[in-house]
Amino acid sequence: MKERTLASIYRESRLFTELRDPSPLRGRCGACEYKAVCGGSRSRAYGATGDVLAADPYCAYEPGSFPYPREVAALTESTMR
Protein backbone atom coordinates (compact mmCIF):
# COMPACT_ATOMS: atom_id res chain seq x y z
CA MET A 1 0.00 0.00 0.00
CA LYS A 2 1.32 3.44 -0.94
CA GLU A 3 1.71 5.82 1.95
CA ARG A 4 2.67 8.87 -0.13
CA THR A 5 2.13 9.92 -3.70
CA LEU A 6 5.06 10.30 -6.06
CA ALA A 7 4.26 14.01 -6.34
CA SER A 8 4.44 14.50 -2.56
CA ILE A 9 7.75 12.63 -2.41
CA TYR A 10 9.17 14.86 -5.15
CA ARG A 11 7.87 18.07 -3.56
CA GLU A 12 8.63 17.31 0.10
CA SER A 13 11.63 15.01 0.39
CA ARG A 14 14.89 16.56 1.57
CA LEU A 15 16.87 15.06 -1.33
CA PHE A 16 14.61 16.34 -4.09
CA THR A 17 14.31 19.74 -2.41
CA GLU A 18 18.12 20.00 -2.35
CA LEU A 19 18.38 18.94 -5.98
CA ARG A 20 16.05 21.74 -7.08
CA ASP A 21 18.02 24.41 -5.20
CA PRO A 22 21.36 25.33 -6.83
CA SER A 23 22.70 27.24 -3.79
CA PRO A 24 24.16 24.24 -1.88
CA LEU A 25 26.14 22.95 -4.89
CA ARG A 26 29.84 22.57 -4.14
CA GLY A 27 33.05 22.84 -6.10
CA ARG A 28 32.99 24.21 -9.63
CA CYS A 29 29.23 23.71 -9.90
CA GLY A 30 28.71 25.86 -6.82
CA ALA A 31 30.91 28.61 -8.28
CA CYS A 32 29.42 28.42 -11.77
CA GLU A 33 27.33 31.29 -13.11
CA TYR A 34 25.15 28.75 -14.93
CA LYS A 35 24.24 26.67 -11.86
CA ALA A 36 20.66 27.98 -11.84
CA VAL A 37 20.02 26.77 -15.38
CA CYS A 38 22.40 23.81 -15.64
CA GLY A 39 23.25 22.47 -12.19
CA GLY A 40 25.63 19.89 -13.60
CA SER A 41 24.91 16.19 -13.54
CA ARG A 42 23.94 15.25 -10.01
CA SER A 43 24.07 11.55 -10.93
CA ARG A 44 27.68 11.79 -12.18
CA ALA A 45 28.65 13.79 -9.08
CA TYR A 46 27.11 11.13 -6.86
CA GLY A 47 28.62 8.25 -8.84
CA ALA A 48 32.13 9.71 -8.75
CA THR A 49 32.18 11.11 -5.21
CA GLY A 50 29.24 9.72 -3.25
CA ASP A 51 28.06 13.32 -2.78
CA VAL A 52 25.04 14.38 -4.84
CA LEU A 53 25.94 18.08 -4.36
CA ALA A 54 29.60 17.78 -5.47
CA ALA A 55 30.90 19.16 -8.75
CA ASP A 56 30.07 17.33 -11.97
CA PRO A 57 33.38 15.55 -12.65
CA TYR A 58 32.95 15.55 -16.44
CA CYS A 59 31.98 19.18 -16.94
CA ALA A 60 34.70 20.92 -18.96
CA TYR A 61 33.46 24.45 -18.33
CA GLU A 62 35.54 26.66 -16.07
CA PRO A 63 33.28 29.02 -14.10
CA GLY A 64 33.77 32.64 -15.07
CA SER A 65 35.45 31.90 -18.39
CA PHE A 66 32.57 33.05 -20.63
CA PRO A 67 33.61 36.43 -22.10
CA TYR A 68 30.29 38.24 -21.48
CA PRO A 69 29.61 38.01 -17.72
CA ARG A 70 27.00 40.80 -17.58
CA GLU A 71 24.92 39.20 -20.30
CA VAL A 72 25.11 35.83 -18.55
CA ALA A 73 24.06 37.40 -15.25
CA ALA A 74 21.06 39.06 -16.89
CA LEU A 75 19.97 35.83 -18.55
CA THR A 76 20.39 33.62 -15.51
CA GLU A 77 18.66 36.12 -13.20
CA SER A 78 15.64 36.16 -15.50
CA THR A 79 15.33 32.36 -15.21
CA MET A 80 15.28 32.55 -11.41
CA ARG A 81 12.10 34.68 -11.33
PDB file of N, CA and C in Angstrom:
ATOM      1  N   MET A   1       0.821  -1.174   0.000  1.00  0.00           N
ATOM      2  CA  MET A   1       0.000   0.000   0.000  1.00  0.00           C
ATOM      3  C   MET A   1       0.874   1.249   0.000  1.00  0.00           C
ATOM      4  N   LYS A   2       0.560   2.198  -0.872  1.00  0.00           N
ATOM      5  CA  LYS A   2       1.316   3.442  -0.941  1.00  0.00           C
ATOM      6  C   LYS A   2       0.937   4.343   0.230  1.00  0.00           C
ATOM      7  N   GLU A   3       1.948   4.888   0.857  1.00  0.00           N
ATOM      8  CA  GLU A   3       1.707   5.824   1.954  1.00  0.00           C
ATOM      9  C   GLU A   3       1.757   7.267   1.473  1.00  0.00           C
ATOM     10  N   ARG A   4       2.521   7.515   0.415  1.00  0.00           N
ATOM     11  CA  ARG A   4       2.672   8.867  -0.135  1.00  0.00           C
ATOM     12  C   ARG A   4       2.622   8.807  -1.649  1.00  0.00           C
ATOM     13  N   THR A   5       2.142   9.867  -2.245  1.00  0.00           N
ATOM     14  CA  THR A   5       2.126   9.920  -3.703  1.00  0.00           C
ATOM     15  C   THR A   5       3.520  10.284  -4.208  1.00  0.00           C
ATOM     16  N   LEU A   6       3.789   9.948  -5.450  1.00  0.00           N
ATOM     17  CA  LEU A   6       5.062  10.302  -6.060  1.00  0.00           C
ATOM     18  C   LEU A   6       5.250  11.823  -6.062  1.00  0.00           C
ATOM     19  N   ALA A   7       4.182  12.553  -6.342  1.00  0.00           N
ATOM     20  CA  ALA A   7       4.256  14.012  -6.342  1.00  0.00           C
ATOM     21  C   ALA A   7       4.650  14.552  -4.968  1.00  0.00           C
ATOM     22  N   SER A   8       4.085  13.998  -3.898  1.00  0.00           N
ATOM     23  CA  SER A   8       4.438  14.496  -2.562  1.00  0.00           C
ATOM     24  C   SER A   8       5.878  14.140  -2.208  1.00  0.00           C
ATOM     25  N   ILE A   9       6.352  12.998  -2.636  1.00  0.00           N
ATOM     26  CA  ILE A   9       7.753  12.628  -2.407  1.00  0.00           C
ATOM     27  C   ILE A   9       8.667  13.619  -3.115  1.00  0.00           C
ATOM     28  N   TYR A  10       8.360  13.923  -4.374  1.00  0.00           N
ATOM     29  CA  TYR A  10       9.173  14.860  -5.148  1.00  0.00           C
ATOM     30  C   TYR A  10       9.154  16.257  -4.522  1.00  0.00           C
ATOM     31  N   ARG A  11       8.005  16.707  -4.092  1.00  0.00           N
ATOM     32  CA  ARG A  11       7.870  18.071  -3.562  1.00  0.00           C
ATOM     33  C   ARG A  11       8.410  18.226  -2.143  1.00  0.00           C
ATOM     34  N   GLU A  12       8.351  17.168  -1.329  1.00  0.00           N
ATOM     35  CA  GLU A  12       8.626  17.307   0.098  1.00  0.00           C
ATOM     36  C   GLU A  12       9.889  16.636   0.610  1.00  0.00           C
ATOM     37  N   SER A  13      10.463  15.710  -0.141  1.00  0.00           N
ATOM     38  CA  SER A  13      11.635  15.010   0.393  1.00  0.00           C
ATOM     39  C   SER A  13      12.855  15.930   0.416  1.00  0.00           C
ATOM     40  N   ARG A  14      13.689  15.740   1.411  1.00  0.00           N
ATOM     41  CA  ARG A  14      14.889  16.560   1.569  1.00  0.00           C
ATOM     42  C   ARG A  14      15.792  16.453   0.339  1.00  0.00           C
ATOM     43  N   LEU A  15      15.995  15.256  -0.175  1.00  0.00           N
ATOM     44  CA  LEU A  15      16.865  15.056  -1.330  1.00  0.00           C
ATOM     45  C   LEU A  15      16.369  15.826  -2.546  1.00  0.00           C
ATOM     46  N   PHE A  16      15.115  15.669  -2.896  1.00  0.00           N
ATOM     47  CA  PHE A  16      14.606  16.337  -4.091  1.00  0.00           C
ATOM     48  C   PHE A  16      14.527  17.855  -3.906  1.00  0.00           C
ATOM     49  N   THR A  17      14.288  18.299  -2.688  1.00  0.00           N
ATOM     50  CA  THR A  17      14.305  19.744  -2.415  1.00  0.00           C
ATOM     51  C   THR A  17      15.712  20.286  -2.633  1.00  0.00           C
ATOM     52  N   GLU A  18      16.725  19.581  -2.137  1.00  0.00           N
ATOM     53  CA  GLU A  18      18.115  19.997  -2.346  1.00  0.00           C
ATOM     54  C   GLU A  18      18.479  20.011  -3.826  1.00  0.00           C
ATOM     55  N   LEU A  19      18.033  19.017  -4.559  1.00  0.00           N
ATOM     56  CA  LEU A  19      18.379  18.936  -5.976  1.00  0.00           C
ATOM     57  C   LEU A  19      17.779  20.076  -6.796  1.00  0.00           C
ATOM     58  N   ARG A  20      16.675  20.623  -6.358  1.00  0.00           N
ATOM     59  CA  ARG A  20      16.052  21.741  -7.078  1.00  0.00           C
ATOM     60  C   ARG A  20      16.664  23.092  -6.722  1.00  0.00           C
ATOM     61  N   ASP A  21      17.427  23.161  -5.658  1.00  0.00           N
ATOM     62  CA  ASP A  21      18.024  24.411  -5.196  1.00  0.00           C
ATOM     63  C   ASP A  21      19.511  24.427  -5.559  1.00  0.00           C
ATOM     64  N   PRO A  22      19.951  25.331  -6.431  1.00  0.00           N
ATOM     65  CA  PRO A  22      21.362  25.332  -6.830  1.00  0.00           C
ATOM     66  C   PRO A  22      22.317  25.902  -5.778  1.00  0.00           C
ATOM     67  N   SER A  23      21.808  26.575  -4.746  1.00  0.00           N
ATOM     68  CA  SER A  23      22.704  27.237  -3.795  1.00  0.00           C
ATOM     69  C   SER A  23      23.612  26.296  -2.993  1.00  0.00           C
ATOM     70  N   PRO A  24      23.224  25.065  -2.646  1.00  0.00           N
ATOM     71  CA  PRO A  24      24.158  24.235  -1.878  1.00  0.00           C
ATOM     72  C   PRO A  24      25.183  23.468  -2.727  1.00  0.00           C
ATOM     73  N   LEU A  25      25.175  23.657  -4.053  1.00  0.00           N
ATOM     74  CA  LEU A  25      26.145  22.947  -4.887  1.00  0.00           C
ATOM     75  C   LEU A  25      27.557  23.317  -4.474  1.00  0.00           C
ATOM     76  N   ARG A  26      28.459  22.361  -4.560  1.00  0.00           N
ATOM     77  CA  ARG A  26      29.841  22.574  -4.136  1.00  0.00           C
ATOM     78  C   ARG A  26      30.795  22.504  -5.324  1.00  0.00           C
ATOM     79  N   GLY A  27      32.013  22.894  -5.074  1.00  0.00           N
ATOM     80  CA  GLY A  27      33.051  22.838  -6.097  1.00  0.00           C
ATOM     81  C   GLY A  27      32.769  23.777  -7.254  1.00  0.00           C
ATOM     82  N   ARG A  28      33.192  23.355  -8.450  1.00  0.00           N
ATOM     83  CA  ARG A  28      32.993  24.205  -9.626  1.00  0.00           C
ATOM     84  C   ARG A  28      31.528  24.469  -9.905  1.00  0.00           C
ATOM     85  N   CYS A  29      30.671  23.495  -9.674  1.00  0.00           N
ATOM     86  CA  CYS A  29      29.234  23.709  -9.903  1.00  0.00           C
ATOM     87  C   CYS A  29      28.698  24.794  -8.987  1.00  0.00           C
ATOM     88  N   GLY A  30      29.150  24.837  -7.756  1.00  0.00           N
ATOM     89  CA  GLY A  30      28.714  25.859  -6.823  1.00  0.00           C
ATOM     90  C   GLY A  30      29.191  27.245  -7.199  1.00  0.00           C
ATOM     91  N   ALA A  31      30.337  27.327  -7.876  1.00  0.00           N
ATOM     92  CA  ALA A  31      30.907  28.613  -8.283  1.00  0.00           C
ATOM     93  C   ALA A  31      30.435  29.047  -9.664  1.00  0.00           C
ATOM     94  N   CYS A  32      29.776  28.173 -10.377  1.00  0.00           N
ATOM     95  CA  CYS A  32      29.422  28.424 -11.771  1.00  0.00           C
ATOM     96  C   CYS A  32      28.259  29.401 -11.919  1.00  0.00           C
ATOM     97  N   GLU A  33      28.397  30.321 -12.852  1.00  0.00           N
ATOM     98  CA  GLU A  33      27.335  31.293 -13.114  1.00  0.00           C
ATOM     99  C   GLU A  33      26.127  30.663 -13.802  1.00  0.00           C
ATOM    100  N   TYR A  34      26.258  29.448 -14.281  1.00  0.00           N
ATOM    101  CA  TYR A  34      25.149  28.747 -14.926  1.00  0.00           C
ATOM    102  C   TYR A  34      24.445  27.750 -14.013  1.00  0.00           C
ATOM    103  N   LYS A  35      24.795  27.703 -12.749  1.00  0.00           N
ATOM    104  CA  LYS A  35      24.237  26.675 -11.860  1.00  0.00           C
ATOM    105  C   LYS A  35      22.719  26.720 -11.757  1.00  0.00           C
ATOM    106  N   ALA A  36      22.119  27.889 -11.930  1.00  0.00           N
ATOM    107  CA  ALA A  36      20.660  27.985 -11.836  1.00  0.00           C
ATOM    108  C   ALA A  36      19.960  27.378 -13.040  1.00  0.00           C
ATOM    109  N   VAL A  37      20.646  27.321 -14.183  1.00  0.00           N
ATOM    110  CA  VAL A  37      20.024  26.770 -15.384  1.00  0.00           C
ATOM    111  C   VAL A  37      20.590  25.403 -15.766  1.00  0.00           C
ATOM    112  N   CYS A  38      21.770  25.086 -15.291  1.00  0.00           N
ATOM    113  CA  CYS A  38      22.402  23.808 -15.639  1.00  0.00           C
ATOM    114  C   CYS A  38      22.435  22.873 -14.427  1.00  0.00           C
ATOM    115  N   GLY A  39      23.158  23.273 -13.414  1.00  0.00           N
ATOM    116  CA  GLY A  39      23.254  22.474 -12.192  1.00  0.00           C
ATOM    117  C   GLY A  39      24.208  21.310 -12.281  1.00  0.00           C
ATOM    118  N   GLY A  40      24.748  21.038 -13.456  1.00  0.00           N
ATOM    119  CA  GLY A  40      25.630  19.890 -13.602  1.00  0.00           C
ATOM    120  C   GLY A  40      24.864  18.586 -13.461  1.00  0.00           C
ATOM    121  N   SER A  41      25.550  17.506 -13.664  1.00  0.00           N
ATOM    122  CA  SER A  41      24.914  16.194 -13.537  1.00  0.00           C
ATOM    123  C   SER A  41      25.039  15.722 -12.094  1.00  0.00           C
ATOM    124  N   ARG A  42      23.930  15.701 -11.406  1.00  0.00           N
ATOM    125  CA  ARG A  42      23.936  15.246 -10.014  1.00  0.00           C
ATOM    126  C   ARG A  42      24.216  13.750  -9.934  1.00  0.00           C
ATOM    127  N   SER A  43      23.810  12.992 -10.958  1.00  0.00           N
ATOM    128  CA  SER A  43      24.069  11.548 -10.934  1.00  0.00           C
ATOM    129  C   SER A  43      25.559  11.262 -11.126  1.00  0.00           C
ATOM    130  N   ARG A  44      26.227  11.990 -12.014  1.00  0.00           N
ATOM    131  CA  ARG A  44      27.677  11.792 -12.182  1.00  0.00           C
ATOM    132  C   ARG A  44      28.424  12.222 -10.927  1.00  0.00           C
ATOM    133  N   ALA A  45      28.005  13.335 -10.322  1.00  0.00           N
ATOM    134  CA  ALA A  45      28.646  13.788  -9.084  1.00  0.00           C
ATOM    135  C   ALA A  45      28.524  12.711  -8.009  1.00  0.00           C
ATOM    136  N   TYR A  46      27.328  12.167  -7.865  1.00  0.00           N
ATOM    137  CA  TYR A  46      27.110  11.129  -6.860  1.00  0.00           C
ATOM    138  C   TYR A  46      27.908   9.864  -7.189  1.00  0.00           C
ATOM    139  N   GLY A  47      27.898   9.459  -8.450  1.00  0.00           N
ATOM    140  CA  GLY A  47      28.617   8.247  -8.839  1.00  0.00           C
ATOM    141  C   GLY A  47      30.115   8.351  -8.629  1.00  0.00           C
ATOM    142  N   ALA A  48      30.678   9.529  -8.863  1.00  0.00           N
ATOM    143  CA  ALA A  48      32.126   9.711  -8.747  1.00  0.00           C
ATOM    144  C   ALA A  48      32.583  10.001  -7.320  1.00  0.00           C
ATOM    145  N   THR A  49      31.729  10.652  -6.527  1.00  0.00           N
ATOM    146  CA  THR A  49      32.178  11.108  -5.212  1.00  0.00           C
ATOM    147  C   THR A  49      31.355  10.589  -4.050  1.00  0.00           C
ATOM    148  N   GLY A  50      30.137  10.106  -4.333  1.00  0.00           N
ATOM    149  CA  GLY A  50      29.239   9.719  -3.253  1.00  0.00           C
ATOM    150  C   GLY A  50      28.501  10.910  -2.658  1.00  0.00           C
ATOM    151  N   ASP A  51      28.700  12.087  -3.252  1.00  0.00           N
ATOM    152  CA  ASP A  51      28.059  13.322  -2.784  1.00  0.00           C
ATOM    153  C   ASP A  51      27.237  13.903  -3.927  1.00  0.00           C
ATOM    154  N   VAL A  52      25.927  13.919  -3.777  1.00  0.00           N
ATOM    155  CA  VAL A  52      25.038  14.382  -4.839  1.00  0.00           C
ATOM    156  C   VAL A  52      25.204  15.881  -5.114  1.00  0.00           C
ATOM    157  N   LEU A  53      25.776  16.632  -4.180  1.00  0.00           N
ATOM    158  CA  LEU A  53      25.944  18.080  -4.357  1.00  0.00           C
ATOM    159  C   LEU A  53      27.362  18.471  -4.788  1.00  0.00           C
ATOM    160  N   ALA A  54      28.228  17.504  -5.020  1.00  0.00           N
ATOM    161  CA  ALA A  54      29.598  17.783  -5.466  1.00  0.00           C
ATOM    162  C   ALA A  54      29.601  18.261  -6.917  1.00  0.00           C
ATOM    163  N   ALA A  55      30.752  18.709  -7.365  1.00  0.00           N
ATOM    164  CA  ALA A  55      30.901  19.164  -8.747  1.00  0.00           C
ATOM    165  C   ALA A  55      30.722  17.997  -9.720  1.00  0.00           C
ATOM    166  N   ASP A  56      30.187  18.310 -10.887  1.00  0.00           N
ATOM    167  CA  ASP A  56      30.066  17.329 -11.968  1.00  0.00           C
ATOM    168  C   ASP A  56      31.480  17.043 -12.475  1.00  0.00           C
ATOM    169  N   PRO A  57      31.980  15.828 -12.306  1.00  0.00           N
ATOM    170  CA  PRO A  57      33.380  15.554 -12.651  1.00  0.00           C
ATOM    171  C   PRO A  57      33.687  15.602 -14.146  1.00  0.00           C
ATOM    172  N   TYR A  58      32.688  15.549 -15.003  1.00  0.00           N
ATOM    173  CA  TYR A  58      32.948  15.553 -16.440  1.00  0.00           C
ATOM    174  C   TYR A  58      32.622  16.867 -17.116  1.00  0.00           C
ATOM    175  N   CYS A  59      32.257  17.876 -16.353  1.00  0.00           N
ATOM    176  CA  CYS A  59      31.983  19.184 -16.938  1.00  0.00           C
ATOM    177  C   CYS A  59      33.313  19.855 -17.274  1.00  0.00           C
ATOM    178  N   ALA A  60      33.455  20.289 -18.514  1.00  0.00           N
ATOM    179  CA  ALA A  60      34.697  20.920 -18.962  1.00  0.00           C
ATOM    180  C   ALA A  60      34.691  22.432 -18.785  1.00  0.00           C
ATOM    181  N   TYR A  61      33.546  22.995 -18.438  1.00  0.00           N
ATOM    182  CA  TYR A  61      33.458  24.451 -18.332  1.00  0.00           C
ATOM    183  C   TYR A  61      34.143  24.952 -17.067  1.00  0.00           C
ATOM    184  N   GLU A  62      34.923  26.018 -17.211  1.00  0.00           N
ATOM    185  CA  GLU A  62      35.541  26.664 -16.065  1.00  0.00           C
ATOM    186  C   GLU A  62      34.697  27.875 -15.694  1.00  0.00           C
ATOM    187  N   PRO A  63      34.120  27.899 -14.496  1.00  0.00           N
ATOM    188  CA  PRO A  63      33.276  29.022 -14.102  1.00  0.00           C
ATOM    189  C   PRO A  63      33.985  30.361 -14.293  1.00  0.00           C
ATOM    190  N   GLY A  64      33.243  31.306 -14.846  1.00  0.00           N
ATOM    191  CA  GLY A  64      33.773  32.644 -15.066  1.00  0.00           C
ATOM    192  C   GLY A  64      34.531  32.829 -16.363  1.00  0.00           C
ATOM    193  N   SER A  65      34.641  31.792 -17.174  1.00  0.00           N
ATOM    194  CA  SER A  65      35.446  31.902 -18.391  1.00  0.00           C
ATOM    195  C   SER A  65      34.674  32.418 -19.600  1.00  0.00           C
ATOM    196  N   PHE A  66      33.356  32.526 -19.508  1.00  0.00           N
ATOM    197  CA  PHE A  66      32.573  33.050 -20.627  1.00  0.00           C
ATOM    198  C   PHE A  66      32.869  34.540 -20.743  1.00  0.00           C
ATOM    199  N   PRO A  67      33.130  35.047 -21.956  1.00  0.00           N
ATOM    200  CA  PRO A  67      33.606  36.429 -22.103  1.00  0.00           C
ATOM    201  C   PRO A  67      32.567  37.531 -21.885  1.00  0.00           C
ATOM    202  N   TYR A  68      31.310  37.218 -21.650  1.00  0.00           N
ATOM    203  CA  TYR A  68      30.288  38.243 -21.475  1.00  0.00           C
ATOM    204  C   TYR A  68      29.548  38.048 -20.151  1.00  0.00           C
ATOM    205  N   PRO A  69      30.203  38.323 -19.024  1.00  0.00           N
ATOM    206  CA  PRO A  69      29.609  38.015 -17.720  1.00  0.00           C
ATOM    207  C   PRO A  69      28.329  38.791 -17.421  1.00  0.00           C
ATOM    208  N   ARG A  70      28.219  40.042 -17.869  1.00  0.00           N
ATOM    209  CA  ARG A  70      26.999  40.805 -17.584  1.00  0.00           C
ATOM    210  C   ARG A  70      25.797  40.224 -18.312  1.00  0.00           C
ATOM    211  N   GLU A  71      26.010  39.792 -19.539  1.00  0.00           N
ATOM    212  CA  GLU A  71      24.921  39.197 -20.303  1.00  0.00           C
ATOM    213  C   GLU A  71      24.473  37.882 -19.673  1.00  0.00           C
ATOM    214  N   VAL A  72      25.432  37.096 -19.215  1.00  0.00           N
ATOM    215  CA  VAL A  72      25.108  35.835 -18.550  1.00  0.00           C
ATOM    216  C   VAL A  72      24.323  36.099 -17.278  1.00  0.00           C
ATOM    217  N   ALA A  73      24.749  37.074 -16.500  1.00  0.00           N
ATOM    218  CA  ALA A  73      24.056  37.401 -15.250  1.00  0.00           C
ATOM    219  C   ALA A  73      22.620  37.817 -15.530  1.00  0.00           C
ATOM    220  N   ALA A  74      22.412  38.625 -16.556  1.00  0.00           N
ATOM    221  CA  ALA A  74      21.060  39.062 -16.892  1.00  0.00           C
ATOM    222  C   ALA A  74      20.190  37.886 -17.317  1.00  0.00           C
ATOM    223  N   LEU A  75      20.741  36.987 -18.090  1.00  0.00           N
ATOM    224  CA  LEU A  75      19.970  35.830 -18.554  1.00  0.00           C
ATOM    225  C   LEU A  75      19.660  34.861 -17.423  1.00  0.00           C
ATOM    226  N   THR A  76      20.630  34.580 -16.581  1.00  0.00           N
ATOM    227  CA  THR A  76      20.389  33.615 -15.508  1.00  0.00           C
ATOM    228  C   THR A  76      19.495  34.203 -14.427  1.00  0.00           C
ATOM    229  N   GLU A  77      19.560  35.496 -14.179  1.00  0.00           N
ATOM    230  CA  GLU A  77      18.662  36.124 -13.203  1.00  0.00           C
ATOM    231  C   GLU A  77      17.216  36.051 -13.682  1.00  0.00           C
ATOM    232  N   SER A  78      17.006  36.195 -14.989  1.00  0.00           N
ATOM    233  CA  SER A  78      15.640  36.158 -15.503  1.00  0.00           C
ATOM    234  C   SER A  78      15.031  34.751 -15.388  1.00  0.00           C
ATOM    235  N   THR A  79      15.856  33.725 -15.359  1.00  0.00           N
ATOM    236  CA  THR A  79      15.330  32.357 -15.214  1.00  0.00           C
ATOM    237  C   THR A  79      14.985  32.045 -13.772  1.00  0.00           C
ATOM    238  N   MET A  80      15.525  32.800 -12.827  1.00  0.00           N
ATOM    239  CA  MET A  80      15.282  32.549 -11.405  1.00  0.00           C
ATOM    240  C   MET A  80      13.956  33.149 -10.951  1.00  0.00           C
ATOM    241  N   ARG A  81      13.352  34.015 -11.742  1.00  0.00           N
ATOM    242  CA  ARG A  81      12.096  34.677 -11.333  1.00  0.00           C
ATOM    243  C   ARG A  81      10.911  33.799 -11.534  1.00  0.00           C
TER     244      ARG A  81
END
